[in-house]
Structures are given as C-alpha cells and as structure tokens.
C-alpha cells in the first residue's frame, strides 16, 4: 500500500488514487473511462472499480477550481 502512504502526503486537490498502487496528478488527466485513465500525453493507466467514482469526483472538483 505504498500509494496510500504517498497519497496521504500529496495535496488532495491535485492528486488522487486511481488504483491501489497508482497516484495520478489530476492536471494530467484528459479522460476517465471504464477501461482506465487517458493522460494528456496519450498514455493510459489502470483505474480500479473501487477508485473510479472517487477519481471522477476529484477530477470534477479540480476542474471547477481551475476555471
């Protein structure tokens, strides 16, 4: 659970867990789907079903604050 410990130290308004072992910078997310997360550079990362709802909420909050 290294990602969980790292996630505790990062600002929650900019970073979120998308998988048990993956923390993502919300600024780098282009799109979230059931298959995973599409990043601004075209790469993809896995998002677990357990985290997907919280990840979407965090991304929406981030985008609202950035406007």
PDB file of N, CA and C in Angstrom:
ATOM      1  N   UNK A   1       0.821  -1.199   0.000  1.00  0.00           N
ATOM      2  CA  UNK A   1       0.000   0.000   0.000  1.00  0.00           C
ATOM      3  C   UNK A   1       0.857   1.253   0.000  1.00  0.00           C
ATOM      4  N   UNK A   2       1.891   1.244  -0.755  1.00  0.00           N
ATOM      5  CA  UNK A   2       2.772   2.401  -0.863  1.00  0.00           C
ATOM      6  C   UNK A   2       2.025   3.616  -1.396  1.00  0.00           C
ATOM      7  N   UNK A   3       1.167   3.417  -2.389  1.00  0.00           N
ATOM      8  CA  UNK A   3       0.428   4.545  -2.965  1.00  0.00           C
ATOM      9  C   UNK A   3      -0.446   5.218  -1.920  1.00  0.00           C
ATOM     10  N   UNK A   4      -1.035   4.453  -1.029  1.00  0.00           N
ATOM     11  CA  UNK A   4      -1.873   5.034   0.019  1.00  0.00           C
ATOM     12  C   UNK A   4      -1.037   5.928   0.930  1.00  0.00           C
ATOM     13  N   UNK A   5       0.166   5.516   1.269  1.00  0.00           N
ATOM     14  CA  UNK A   5       1.035   6.344   2.109  1.00  0.00           C
ATOM     15  C   UNK A   5       1.500   7.585   1.368  1.00  0.00           C
ATOM     16  N   UNK A   6       1.805   7.468   0.109  1.00  0.00           N
ATOM     17  CA  UNK A   6       2.218   8.622  -0.696  1.00  0.00           C
ATOM     18  C   UNK A   6       1.037   9.575  -0.845  1.00  0.00           C
ATOM     19  N   UNK A   7      -0.138   9.034  -1.104  1.00  0.00           N
ATOM     20  CA  UNK A   7      -1.340   9.839  -1.289  1.00  0.00           C
ATOM     21  C   UNK A   7      -1.629  10.709  -0.064  1.00  0.00           C
ATOM     22  N   UNK A   8      -1.319  10.225   1.113  1.00  0.00           N
ATOM     23  CA  UNK A   8      -1.547  10.996   2.335  1.00  0.00           C
ATOM     24  C   UNK A   8      -0.676  12.251   2.395  1.00  0.00           C
ATOM     25  N   UNK A   9       0.446  12.242   1.732  1.00  0.00           N
ATOM     26  CA  UNK A   9       1.391  13.367   1.769  1.00  0.00           C
ATOM     27  C   UNK A   9       1.180  14.381   0.648  1.00  0.00           C
ATOM     28  N   UNK A  10       0.437  14.007  -0.365  1.00  0.00           N
ATOM     29  CA  UNK A  10       0.216  14.887  -1.521  1.00  0.00           C
ATOM     30  C   UNK A  10      -1.048  15.717  -1.317  1.00  0.00           C
ATOM     31  N   UNK A  11      -1.094  16.918  -1.910  1.00  0.00           N
ATOM     32  CA  UNK A  11      -2.309  17.739  -1.787  1.00  0.00           C
ATOM     33  C   UNK A  11      -3.488  17.068  -2.501  1.00  0.00           C
ATOM     34  N   UNK A  12      -4.564  16.826  -1.766  1.00  0.00           N
ATOM     35  CA  UNK A  12      -5.715  16.099  -2.317  1.00  0.00           C
ATOM     36  C   UNK A  12      -6.444  16.878  -3.403  1.00  0.00           C
ATOM     37  N   UNK A  13      -6.241  18.178  -3.474  1.00  0.00           N
ATOM     38  CA  UNK A  13      -6.891  18.932  -4.543  1.00  0.00           C
ATOM     39  C   UNK A  13      -6.175  18.770  -5.876  1.00  0.00           C
ATOM     40  N   UNK A  14      -4.974  18.157  -5.883  1.00  0.00           N
ATOM     41  CA  UNK A  14      -4.218  17.990  -7.129  1.00  0.00           C
ATOM     42  C   UNK A  14      -3.887  16.545  -7.487  1.00  0.00           C
ATOM     43  N   UNK A  15      -3.973  15.628  -6.522  1.00  0.00           N
ATOM     44  CA  UNK A  15      -3.602  14.235  -6.751  1.00  0.00           C
ATOM     45  C   UNK A  15      -4.695  13.310  -6.221  1.00  0.00           C
ATOM     46  N   UNK A  16      -4.841  12.140  -6.851  1.00  0.00           N
ATOM     47  CA  UNK A  16      -5.830  11.160  -6.397  1.00  0.00           C
ATOM     48  C   UNK A  16      -5.346   9.755  -6.733  1.00  0.00           C
ATOM     49  N   UNK A  17      -5.800   8.794  -5.946  1.00  0.00           N
ATOM     50  CA  UNK A  17      -5.512   7.385  -6.224  1.00  0.00           C
ATOM     51  C   UNK A  17      -6.470   6.904  -7.291  1.00  0.00           C
ATOM     52  N   UNK A  18      -5.950   6.204  -8.272  1.00  0.00           N
ATOM     53  CA  UNK A  18      -6.824   5.610  -9.278  1.00  0.00           C
ATOM     54  C   UNK A  18      -6.713   4.086  -9.246  1.00  0.00           C
ATOM     55  N   UNK A  19      -5.790   3.605  -8.459  1.00  0.00           N
ATOM     56  CA  UNK A  19      -5.572   2.171  -8.295  1.00  0.00           C
ATOM     57  C   UNK A  19      -4.839   2.002  -6.977  1.00  0.00           C
ATOM     58  N   UNK A  20      -4.837   0.813  -6.461  1.00  0.00           N
ATOM     59  CA  UNK A  20      -4.183   0.551  -5.181  1.00  0.00           C
ATOM     60  C   UNK A  20      -2.726   1.002  -5.158  1.00  0.00           C
ATOM     61  N   UNK A  21      -2.070   0.937  -6.299  1.00  0.00           N
ATOM     62  CA  UNK A  21      -0.649   1.281  -6.339  1.00  0.00           C
ATOM     63  C   UNK A  21      -0.331   2.453  -7.260  1.00  0.00           C
ATOM     64  N   UNK A  22      -1.357   3.229  -7.654  1.00  0.00           N
ATOM     65  CA  UNK A  22      -1.130   4.332  -8.590  1.00  0.00           C
ATOM     66  C   UNK A  22      -1.790   5.610  -8.089  1.00  0.00           C
ATOM     67  N   UNK A  23      -0.998   6.664  -8.003  1.00  0.00           N
ATOM     68  CA  UNK A  23      -1.498   8.008  -7.693  1.00  0.00           C
ATOM     69  C   UNK A  23      -1.280   8.857  -8.940  1.00  0.00           C
ATOM     70  N   UNK A  24      -2.290   9.642  -9.312  1.00  0.00           N
ATOM     71  CA  UNK A  24      -2.205  10.420 -10.543  1.00  0.00           C
ATOM     72  C   UNK A  24      -2.386  11.912 -10.250  1.00  0.00           C
ATOM     73  N   UNK A  25      -1.661  12.719 -11.010  1.00  0.00           N
ATOM     74  CA  UNK A  25      -1.802  14.168 -10.957  1.00  0.00           C
ATOM     75  C   UNK A  25      -3.046  14.510 -11.777  1.00  0.00           C
ATOM     76  N   UNK A  26      -4.035  15.117 -11.149  1.00  0.00           N
ATOM     77  CA  UNK A  26      -5.304  15.405 -11.813  1.00  0.00           C
ATOM     78  C   UNK A  26      -5.135  16.323 -13.021  1.00  0.00           C
ATOM     79  N   UNK A  27      -4.114  17.159 -13.014  1.00  0.00           N
ATOM     80  CA  UNK A  27      -3.872  18.068 -14.133  1.00  0.00           C
ATOM     81  C   UNK A  27      -3.498  17.317 -15.407  1.00  0.00           C
ATOM     82  N   UNK A  28      -3.056  16.090 -15.287  1.00  0.00           N
ATOM     83  CA  UNK A  28      -2.602  15.315 -16.440  1.00  0.00           C
ATOM     84  C   UNK A  28      -3.672  14.415 -17.034  1.00  0.00           C
ATOM     85  N   UNK A  29      -4.867  14.398 -16.427  1.00  0.00           N
ATOM     86  CA  UNK A  29      -5.936  13.521 -16.903  1.00  0.00           C
ATOM     87  C   UNK A  29      -6.720  14.214 -18.013  1.00  0.00           C
ATOM     88  N   UNK A  30      -6.850  13.532 -19.132  1.00  0.00           N
ATOM     89  CA  UNK A  30      -7.669  14.028 -20.239  1.00  0.00           C
ATOM     90  C   UNK A  30      -9.077  13.443 -20.145  1.00  0.00           C
ATOM     91  N   UNK A  31      -9.178  12.124 -19.808  1.00  0.00           N
ATOM     92  CA  UNK A  31     -10.480  11.451 -19.805  1.00  0.00           C
ATOM     93  C   UNK A  31     -10.428  10.238 -18.891  1.00  0.00           C
ATOM     94  N   UNK A  32     -11.554   9.940 -18.246  1.00  0.00           N
ATOM     95  CA  UNK A  32     -11.689   8.740 -17.424  1.00  0.00           C
ATOM     96  C   UNK A  32     -12.788   7.882 -18.028  1.00  0.00           C
ATOM     97  N   UNK A  33     -12.486   6.607 -18.235  1.00  0.00           N
ATOM     98  CA  UNK A  33     -13.485   5.673 -18.751  1.00  0.00           C
ATOM     99  C   UNK A  33     -13.453   4.403 -17.918  1.00  0.00           C
ATOM    100  N   UNK A  34     -14.327   3.472 -18.246  1.00  0.00           N
ATOM    101  CA  UNK A  34     -14.344   2.202 -17.517  1.00  0.00           C
ATOM    102  C   UNK A  34     -13.084   1.389 -17.780  1.00  0.00           C
ATOM    103  N   UNK A  35     -12.390   1.679 -18.875  1.00  0.00           N
ATOM    104  CA  UNK A  35     -11.156   0.960 -19.194  1.00  0.00           C
ATOM    105  C   UNK A  35      -9.930   1.535 -18.502  1.00  0.00           C
ATOM    106  N   UNK A  36     -10.016   2.794 -18.061  1.00  0.00           N
ATOM    107  CA  UNK A  36      -8.868   3.394 -17.395  1.00  0.00           C
ATOM    108  C   UNK A  36      -8.835   4.899 -17.572  1.00  0.00           C
ATOM    109  N   UNK A  37      -7.657   5.457 -17.384  1.00  0.00           N
ATOM    110  CA  UNK A  37      -7.464   6.904 -17.418  1.00  0.00           C
ATOM    111  C   UNK A  37      -6.586   7.250 -18.615  1.00  0.00           C
ATOM    112  N   UNK A  38      -7.073   8.169 -19.442  1.00  0.00           N
ATOM    113  CA  UNK A  38      -6.297   8.661 -20.575  1.00  0.00           C
ATOM    114  C   UNK A  38      -5.589   9.928 -20.126  1.00  0.00           C
ATOM    115  N   UNK A  39      -4.279   9.959 -20.295  1.00  0.00           N
ATOM    116  CA  UNK A  39      -3.476  11.096 -19.872  1.00  0.00           C
ATOM    117  C   UNK A  39      -3.263  12.077 -21.022  1.00  0.00           C
ATOM    118  N   UNK A  40      -2.886  13.281 -20.675  1.00  0.00           N
ATOM    119  CA  UNK A  40      -2.671  14.344 -21.666  1.00  0.00           C
ATOM    120  C   UNK A  40      -1.621  13.965 -22.699  1.00  0.00           C
ATOM    121  N   UNK A  41      -0.643  13.148 -22.327  1.00  0.00           N
ATOM    122  CA  UNK A  41       0.404  12.757 -23.275  1.00  0.00           C
ATOM    123  C   UNK A  41       0.017  11.558 -24.131  1.00  0.00           C
ATOM    124  N   UNK A  42      -1.242  11.088 -23.991  1.00  0.00           N
ATOM    125  CA  UNK A  42      -1.723   9.961 -24.782  1.00  0.00           C
ATOM    126  C   UNK A  42      -1.563   8.616 -24.108  1.00  0.00           C
ATOM    127  N   UNK A  43      -0.842   8.570 -22.994  1.00  0.00           N
ATOM    128  CA  UNK A  43      -0.677   7.326 -22.248  1.00  0.00           C
ATOM    129  C   UNK A  43      -1.936   6.972 -21.487  1.00  0.00           C
ATOM    130  N   UNK A  44      -2.020   5.728 -21.062  1.00  0.00           N
ATOM    131  CA  UNK A  44      -3.148   5.281 -20.254  1.00  0.00           C
ATOM    132  C   UNK A  44      -2.644   4.598 -18.994  1.00  0.00           C
ATOM    133  N   UNK A  45      -3.458   4.665 -17.956  1.00  0.00           N
ATOM    134  CA  UNK A  45      -3.172   3.948 -16.719  1.00  0.00           C
ATOM    135  C   UNK A  45      -4.450   3.289 -16.241  1.00  0.00           C
ATOM    136  N   UNK A  46      -4.303   2.222 -15.482  1.00  0.00           N
ATOM    137  CA  UNK A  46      -5.452   1.496 -14.948  1.00  0.00           C
ATOM    138  C   UNK A  46      -6.117   2.284 -13.832  1.00  0.00           C
ATOM    139  N   UNK A  47      -7.426   2.126 -13.742  1.00  0.00           N
ATOM    140  CA  UNK A  47      -8.195   2.680 -12.629  1.00  0.00           C
ATOM    141  C   UNK A  47      -9.087   1.550 -12.122  1.00  0.00           C
ATOM    142  N   UNK A  48      -9.012   1.278 -10.840  1.00  0.00           N
ATOM    143  CA  UNK A  48      -9.818   0.197 -10.295  1.00  0.00           C
ATOM    144  C   UNK A  48     -11.267   0.633 -10.138  1.00  0.00           C
ATOM    145  N   UNK A  49     -12.165  -0.319 -10.196  1.00  0.00           N
ATOM    146  CA  UNK A  49     -13.588  -0.012 -10.000  1.00  0.00           C
ATOM    147  C   UNK A  49     -13.822   0.621  -8.642  1.00  0.00           C
ATOM    148  N   UNK A  50     -13.034   0.228  -7.674  1.00  0.00           N
ATOM    149  CA  UNK A  50     -13.162   0.760  -6.315  1.00  0.00           C
ATOM    150  C   UNK A  50     -12.839   2.251  -6.266  1.00  0.00           C
ATOM    151  N   UNK A  51     -11.906   2.707  -7.065  1.00  0.00           N
ATOM    152  CA  UNK A  51     -11.454   4.095  -7.026  1.00  0.00           C
ATOM    153  C   UNK A  51     -12.076   5.002  -8.093  1.00  0.00           C
ATOM    154  N   UNK A  52     -12.719   4.445  -9.093  1.00  0.00           N
ATOM    155  CA  UNK A  52     -13.145   5.230 -10.254  1.00  0.00           C
ATOM    156  C   UNK A  52     -14.126   6.345  -9.885  1.00  0.00           C
ATOM    157  N   UNK A  53     -15.063   6.072  -9.015  1.00  0.00           N
ATOM    158  CA  UNK A  53     -16.047   7.087  -8.630  1.00  0.00           C
ATOM    159  C   UNK A  53     -15.379   8.247  -7.897  1.00  0.00           C
ATOM    160  N   UNK A  54     -14.521   7.934  -6.942  1.00  0.00           N
ATOM    161  CA  UNK A  54     -13.807   8.977  -6.204  1.00  0.00           C
ATOM    162  C   UNK A  54     -12.872   9.758  -7.122  1.00  0.00           C
ATOM    163  N   UNK A  55     -12.268   9.070  -8.068  1.00  0.00           N
ATOM    164  CA  UNK A  55     -11.375   9.726  -9.016  1.00  0.00           C
ATOM    165  C   UNK A  55     -12.152  10.723  -9.889  1.00  0.00           C
ATOM    166  N   UNK A  56     -13.317  10.323 -10.351  1.00  0.00           N
ATOM    167  CA  UNK A  56     -14.144  11.235 -11.166  1.00  0.00           C
ATOM    168  C   UNK A  56     -14.552  12.472 -10.359  1.00  0.00           C
ATOM    169  N   UNK A  57     -14.951  12.260  -9.108  1.00  0.00           N
ATOM    170  CA  UNK A  57     -15.331  13.385  -8.246  1.00  0.00           C
ATOM    171  C   UNK A  57     -14.147  14.327  -8.027  1.00  0.00           C
ATOM    172  N   UNK A  58     -12.980  13.754  -7.759  1.00  0.00           N
ATOM    173  CA  UNK A  58     -11.781  14.573  -7.540  1.00  0.00           C
ATOM    174  C   UNK A  58     -11.436  15.367  -8.797  1.00  0.00           C
ATOM    175  N   UNK A  59     -11.560  14.742  -9.962  1.00  0.00           N
ATOM    176  CA  UNK A  59     -11.260  15.433 -11.215  1.00  0.00           C
ATOM    177  C   UNK A  59     -12.258  16.567 -11.461  1.00  0.00           C
ATOM    178  N   UNK A  60     -13.528  16.326 -11.199  1.00  0.00           N
ATOM    179  CA  UNK A  60     -14.534  17.382 -11.366  1.00  0.00           C
ATOM    180  C   UNK A  60     -14.257  18.560 -10.439  1.00  0.00           C
ATOM    181  N   UNK A  61     -13.926  18.287  -9.178  1.00  0.00           N
ATOM    182  CA  UNK A  61     -13.590  19.362  -8.234  1.00  0.00           C
ATOM    183  C   UNK A  61     -12.367  20.134  -8.712  1.00  0.00           C
ATOM    184  N   UNK A  62     -11.347  19.408  -9.166  1.00  0.00           N
ATOM    185  CA  UNK A  62     -10.124  20.045  -9.659  1.00  0.00           C
ATOM    186  C   UNK A  62     -10.433  20.970 -10.838  1.00  0.00           C
ATOM    187  N   UNK A  63     -11.217  20.484 -11.779  1.00  0.00           N
ATOM    188  CA  UNK A  63     -11.542  21.288 -12.960  1.00  0.00           C
ATOM    189  C   UNK A  63     -12.389  22.508 -12.589  1.00  0.00           C
ATOM    190  N   UNK A  64     -13.293  22.374 -11.645  1.00  0.00           N
ATOM    191  CA  UNK A  64     -14.101  23.509 -11.198  1.00  0.00           C
ATOM    192  C   UNK A  64     -13.214  24.574 -10.544  1.00  0.00           C
ATOM    193  N   UNK A  65     -12.240  24.153  -9.753  1.00  0.00           N
ATOM    194  CA  UNK A  65     -11.338  25.086  -9.072  1.00  0.00           C
ATOM    195  C   UNK A  65     -10.395  25.755 -10.057  1.00  0.00           C
ATOM    196  N   UNK A  66     -10.073  25.071 -11.132  1.00  0.00           N
ATOM    197  CA  UNK A  66      -9.112  25.593 -12.104  1.00  0.00           C
ATOM    198  C   UNK A  66      -9.739  26.625 -13.054  1.00  0.00           C
ATOM    199  N   UNK A  67     -11.049  26.678 -13.092  1.00  0.00           N
ATOM    200  CA  UNK A  67     -11.713  27.606 -14.030  1.00  0.00           C
ATOM    201  C   UNK A  67     -11.604  29.038 -13.573  1.00  0.00           C
TER     202      UNK A  67
END
